[in-house]
Amino acid sequence: MRYFILCFTLFIIISCQNKEKPTHSTATAAPSTAPYPTVTQAYLEKIVRNGDHIDIVFYKYPISISRDGNADIIQELGRVTDQPPQAAPGCQADGRIFYNGKGQTIAEADIYIQPGCYYVVFYENGKPAYSNGLTPEAIKFYEDLTKQFRQ
């Protein structure tokens, strides 16, 4: 129980830090290419509360990520901004993130990691529902991870 409270508190702190950053009204306006509204706090809390495993499967690259533990889920969600993405037309998903809890998939998201397309699209009830940008650290992480496979 202490572990859950610690992880949940960490998640809230990370979320608050993203919201406290000063923004300009022109920069925070949702671009016309943002596919969906930003993810809700309730949706993220459901993932944090129930998640214990994460899998990331890449479509174009011969790599995948599999991590156990709620802290890893919180870390992955921390790579997502609270801002809508700047999405160029024609973006194609580079992979799928599976958030699992007790052996069941509790949430899924497509991940886009290519120039002009750095964001995730969360699914709800099997359909795309929310889209959020990726942090600069996340972009660097995924670019470094896939660099050797890009041509």
Protein backbone atom coordinates (compact mmCIF):
# COMPACT_ATOMS: atom_id res chain seq x y z
CA MET A 1 0.00 0.00 0.00
CA ARG A 2 2.85 2.41 0.82
CA TYR A 3 4.42 1.69 -2.55
CA PHE A 4 1.18 2.56 -4.34
CA ILE A 5 0.80 5.81 -2.41
CA LEU A 6 4.42 6.74 -3.14
CA CYS A 7 4.04 6.03 -6.85
CA PHE A 8 0.74 7.86 -7.08
CA THR A 9 2.20 10.86 -5.27
CA LEU A 10 5.15 10.85 -7.67
CA PHE A 11 2.76 10.79 -10.61
CA ILE A 12 0.81 13.76 -9.24
CA ILE A 13 4.03 15.72 -8.67
CA ILE A 14 5.16 15.04 -12.24
CA SER A 15 1.75 16.10 -13.54
CA CYS A 16 1.79 19.30 -11.52
CA GLN A 17 5.27 20.19 -12.73
CA ASN A 18 4.08 20.03 -16.33
CA LYS A 19 1.10 22.27 -15.54
CA GLU A 20 3.13 24.90 -13.69
CA LYS A 21 5.34 25.74 -16.65
CA PRO A 22 4.56 29.18 -18.05
CA THR A 23 2.89 29.08 -21.42
CA HIS A 24 1.96 31.59 -24.06
CA SER A 25 -1.60 31.63 -25.33
CA THR A 26 -0.48 31.15 -28.93
CA ALA A 27 1.70 28.15 -28.03
CA THR A 28 -0.95 26.33 -26.02
CA ALA A 29 -3.74 26.64 -28.53
CA ALA A 30 -4.55 23.25 -29.99
CA PRO A 31 -3.19 23.03 -33.53
CA SER A 32 -5.71 22.31 -36.22
CA THR A 33 -3.94 18.99 -36.81
CA ALA A 34 -4.34 17.73 -33.22
CA PRO A 35 -6.23 14.49 -33.79
CA TYR A 36 -8.03 14.22 -30.43
CA PRO A 37 -8.41 16.10 -27.13
CA THR A 38 -5.70 15.68 -24.51
CA VAL A 39 -5.92 12.72 -22.16
CA THR A 40 -7.99 13.12 -19.02
CA GLN A 41 -6.58 12.91 -15.51
CA ALA A 42 -9.11 10.15 -14.72
CA TYR A 43 -7.80 8.03 -17.60
CA LEU A 44 -4.19 8.42 -16.44
CA GLU A 45 -5.15 7.66 -12.84
CA LYS A 46 -6.83 4.44 -14.00
CA ILE A 47 -3.58 3.36 -15.64
CA VAL A 48 -1.48 4.26 -12.59
CA ARG A 49 -3.90 2.65 -10.15
CA ASN A 50 -4.25 -0.64 -12.03
CA GLY A 51 -1.04 -0.99 -14.05
CA ASP A 52 1.82 -3.32 -13.22
CA HIS A 53 3.45 -4.02 -16.60
CA ILE A 54 4.17 -2.13 -19.81
CA ASP A 55 5.04 -3.38 -23.30
CA ILE A 56 6.06 -1.19 -26.22
CA VAL A 57 6.10 -2.88 -29.60
CA PHE A 58 7.59 -1.04 -32.57
CA TYR A 59 6.19 -1.69 -36.04
CA LYS A 60 9.21 -0.60 -38.12
CA TYR A 61 12.06 -1.54 -35.83
CA PRO A 62 13.19 -4.97 -34.56
CA ILE A 63 13.01 -3.88 -30.92
CA SER A 64 10.51 -3.83 -28.11
CA ILE A 65 10.41 -2.71 -24.49
CA SER A 66 8.92 -4.74 -21.66
CA ARG A 67 9.01 -3.44 -18.10
CA ASP A 68 7.43 -4.56 -14.85
CA GLY A 69 6.23 -2.39 -12.05
CA ASN A 70 4.01 0.55 -11.43
CA ALA A 71 7.03 2.88 -11.23
CA ASP A 72 7.88 2.03 -14.86
CA ILE A 73 4.34 2.88 -15.91
CA ILE A 74 4.58 6.21 -14.12
CA GLN A 75 7.93 6.86 -15.81
CA GLU A 76 6.45 6.13 -19.24
CA LEU A 77 3.42 8.35 -18.59
CA GLY A 78 5.86 11.06 -17.50
CA ARG A 79 7.15 11.16 -21.07
CA VAL A 80 3.78 12.50 -22.18
CA THR A 81 3.08 16.24 -21.96
CA ASP A 82 -0.24 17.73 -20.95
CA GLN A 83 -0.29 19.64 -24.25
CA PRO A 84 -1.93 18.67 -27.55
CA PRO A 85 0.52 17.42 -30.16
CA GLN A 86 1.84 19.31 -33.12
CA ALA A 87 0.96 16.65 -35.66
CA ALA A 88 1.87 16.91 -39.32
CA PRO A 89 -0.58 15.45 -41.83
CA GLY A 90 0.12 11.86 -42.82
CA CYS A 91 1.78 10.73 -39.60
CA GLN A 92 1.86 6.96 -39.14
CA ALA A 93 2.23 5.19 -35.83
CA ASP A 94 5.68 3.79 -35.09
CA GLY A 95 4.50 1.45 -32.36
CA ARG A 96 1.94 0.51 -29.74
CA ILE A 97 2.16 0.86 -25.97
CA PHE A 98 0.28 -1.70 -23.89
CA TYR A 99 -0.41 -0.85 -20.25
CA ASN A 100 -1.23 -4.07 -18.42
CA GLY A 101 -2.56 -4.92 -14.99
CA LYS A 102 -2.90 -8.42 -13.56
CA GLY A 103 -2.33 -9.98 -16.97
CA GLN A 104 -4.96 -7.87 -18.75
CA THR A 105 -4.49 -4.92 -21.09
CA ILE A 106 -6.01 -1.93 -19.30
CA ALA A 107 -5.01 0.76 -21.81
CA GLU A 108 -3.29 1.13 -25.17
CA ALA A 109 -1.66 3.98 -27.06
CA ASP A 110 -0.08 4.44 -30.45
CA ILE A 111 3.28 6.19 -30.38
CA TYR A 112 4.52 8.50 -33.11
CA ILE A 113 8.26 9.23 -33.15
CA GLN A 114 9.26 10.85 -36.41
CA PRO A 115 10.04 14.45 -37.38
CA GLY A 116 6.83 16.48 -37.19
CA CYS A 117 5.06 13.62 -35.41
CA TYR A 118 6.09 13.29 -31.78
CA TYR A 119 3.04 12.26 -29.79
CA VAL A 120 0.86 9.44 -28.46
CA VAL A 121 -2.76 8.60 -29.15
CA PHE A 122 -4.50 6.85 -26.27
CA TYR A 123 -7.33 4.43 -26.99
CA GLU A 124 -10.55 4.07 -25.04
CA ASN A 125 -12.98 1.24 -25.75
CA GLY A 126 -10.82 0.18 -28.70
CA LYS A 127 -11.01 3.57 -30.45
CA PRO A 128 -8.59 6.52 -30.55
CA ALA A 129 -9.73 9.00 -27.89
CA TYR A 130 -6.90 11.27 -26.68
CA SER A 131 -3.65 12.66 -28.07
CA ASN A 132 -0.77 14.29 -26.23
CA GLY A 133 2.66 15.48 -27.21
CA LEU A 134 5.91 13.94 -26.01
CA THR A 135 8.40 15.72 -23.78
CA PRO A 136 11.79 16.71 -25.27
CA GLU A 137 13.37 14.02 -23.08
CA ALA A 138 11.00 11.41 -24.49
CA ILE A 139 11.77 12.46 -28.05
CA LYS A 140 15.50 12.11 -27.37
CA PHE A 141 14.97 8.76 -25.64
CA TYR A 142 13.01 7.29 -28.55
CA GLU A 143 15.27 8.80 -31.21
CA ASP A 144 18.34 7.36 -29.47
CA LEU A 145 16.61 4.00 -29.08
CA THR A 146 15.68 3.74 -32.77
CA LYS A 147 18.60 5.65 -34.32
CA GLN A 148 20.48 2.57 -35.48
CA PHE A 149 17.39 1.30 -37.36
CA ARG A 150 16.53 4.56 -39.15
CA GLN A 151 17.73 5.05 -42.71
